[in-house]
Amino acid sequence: PLASFAFTGVDVTAGVSPEEYLVDTVLPGGIEYQILGFMDIDENADLANADPDEGDPVAIPIGGFPMRCADEHITVEFALLLPAGR
């Protein structure tokens, strides 16, 4: 991975989060990136070595995000199914 980041308090239970989140890592432009992610719905991830555990929804990217410059707005969408009752 070129960068690792975490956002707390993201609520997508009612649909798309209205918030925007800044990745404060400098990434070189001119490269296409793929973003992998998971939602720690049971809030037990070790942020120093975060990995999903059973029941955490995992996002698998389809396609990439071309970054033409070091400061560029992109919209990342993950199709996630939350477990029943979440």
Protein backbone atom coordinates (compact mmCIF):
# COMPACT_ATOMS: atom_id res chain seq x y z
CA PRO A 1 0.00 0.00 0.00
CA LEU A 2 1.04 3.56 -0.71
CA ALA A 3 -1.12 5.02 2.04
CA SER A 4 -3.25 3.91 4.93
CA PHE A 5 -6.01 5.97 6.44
CA ALA A 6 -9.04 5.63 8.69
CA PHE A 7 -12.13 7.75 9.20
CA THR A 8 -14.22 7.53 12.36
CA GLY A 9 -17.91 8.20 12.75
CA VAL A 10 -18.86 7.44 9.15
CA ASP A 11 -22.56 6.62 9.07
CA VAL A 12 -23.91 4.98 5.94
CA THR A 13 -26.91 3.25 7.52
CA ALA A 14 -29.29 5.65 5.74
CA GLY A 15 -27.39 5.69 2.44
CA VAL A 16 -24.48 7.74 1.14
CA SER A 17 -22.57 9.69 3.77
CA PRO A 18 -23.04 13.43 3.24
CA GLU A 19 -19.54 14.09 4.60
CA GLU A 20 -16.35 14.46 2.58
CA TYR A 21 -13.13 12.98 3.93
CA LEU A 22 -9.63 14.19 3.19
CA VAL A 23 -6.78 11.76 2.69
CA ASP A 24 -3.90 13.79 4.06
CA THR A 25 -1.19 11.60 2.51
CA VAL A 26 0.72 13.04 -0.44
CA LEU A 27 0.30 10.75 -3.43
CA PRO A 28 2.09 11.35 -6.72
CA GLY A 29 -0.05 12.41 -9.66
CA GLY A 30 -0.05 10.69 -13.03
CA ILE A 31 -0.90 7.30 -11.52
CA GLU A 32 -4.15 5.35 -11.36
CA TYR A 33 -4.98 4.19 -7.84
CA GLN A 34 -7.26 1.51 -6.46
CA ILE A 35 -8.70 1.92 -3.00
CA LEU A 36 -9.41 -1.08 -0.79
CA GLY A 37 -11.35 -0.73 2.40
CA PHE A 38 -13.49 -2.20 5.10
CA MET A 39 -15.92 -0.94 7.71
CA ASP A 40 -15.04 -1.88 11.27
CA ILE A 41 -18.66 -2.20 12.35
CA ASP A 42 -17.79 -3.79 15.69
CA GLU A 43 -15.15 -1.11 16.40
CA ASN A 44 -12.37 -3.49 17.40
CA ALA A 45 -9.72 -2.79 14.74
CA ASP A 46 -6.16 -2.02 15.81
CA LEU A 47 -5.47 1.19 13.88
CA ALA A 48 -1.73 0.44 13.88
CA ASN A 49 -2.42 -2.80 11.99
CA ALA A 50 -6.04 -2.66 10.86
CA ASP A 51 -7.56 -5.66 9.14
CA PRO A 52 -11.19 -6.71 8.87
CA ASP A 53 -12.49 -9.53 10.98
CA GLU A 54 -15.53 -11.75 10.53
CA GLY A 55 -18.64 -9.64 9.96
CA ASP A 56 -16.83 -6.47 8.82
CA PRO A 57 -17.99 -5.51 5.30
CA VAL A 58 -15.08 -5.43 2.87
CA ALA A 59 -14.99 -3.33 -0.29
CA ILE A 60 -13.41 -4.71 -3.44
CA PRO A 61 -12.72 -2.00 -6.01
CA ILE A 62 -13.96 -2.15 -9.55
CA GLY A 63 -11.76 0.01 -11.73
CA GLY A 64 -9.39 2.71 -10.59
CA PHE A 65 -9.11 6.40 -9.89
CA PRO A 66 -6.73 8.30 -12.17
CA MET A 67 -4.94 11.05 -10.26
CA ARG A 68 -3.60 13.60 -12.70
CA CYS A 69 -2.14 15.84 -10.00
CA ALA A 70 -1.25 15.64 -6.32
CA ASP A 71 -4.38 17.57 -5.24
CA GLU A 72 -7.46 16.12 -6.86
CA HIS A 73 -11.03 15.47 -5.73
CA ILE A 74 -12.31 11.96 -6.35
CA THR A 75 -15.49 10.26 -5.24
CA VAL A 76 -14.96 6.74 -3.95
CA GLU A 77 -18.00 4.52 -3.80
CA PHE A 78 -18.15 1.16 -2.07
CA ALA A 79 -21.13 -1.12 -2.51
CA LEU A 80 -21.59 -2.63 0.94
CA LEU A 81 -24.18 -4.88 2.44
CA LEU A 82 -24.40 -4.49 6.19
CA PRO A 83 -25.14 -7.59 8.27
CA ALA A 84 -28.70 -7.93 9.56
CA GLY A 85 -29.44 -5.58 12.45
CA ARG A 86 -26.69 -3.08 11.57
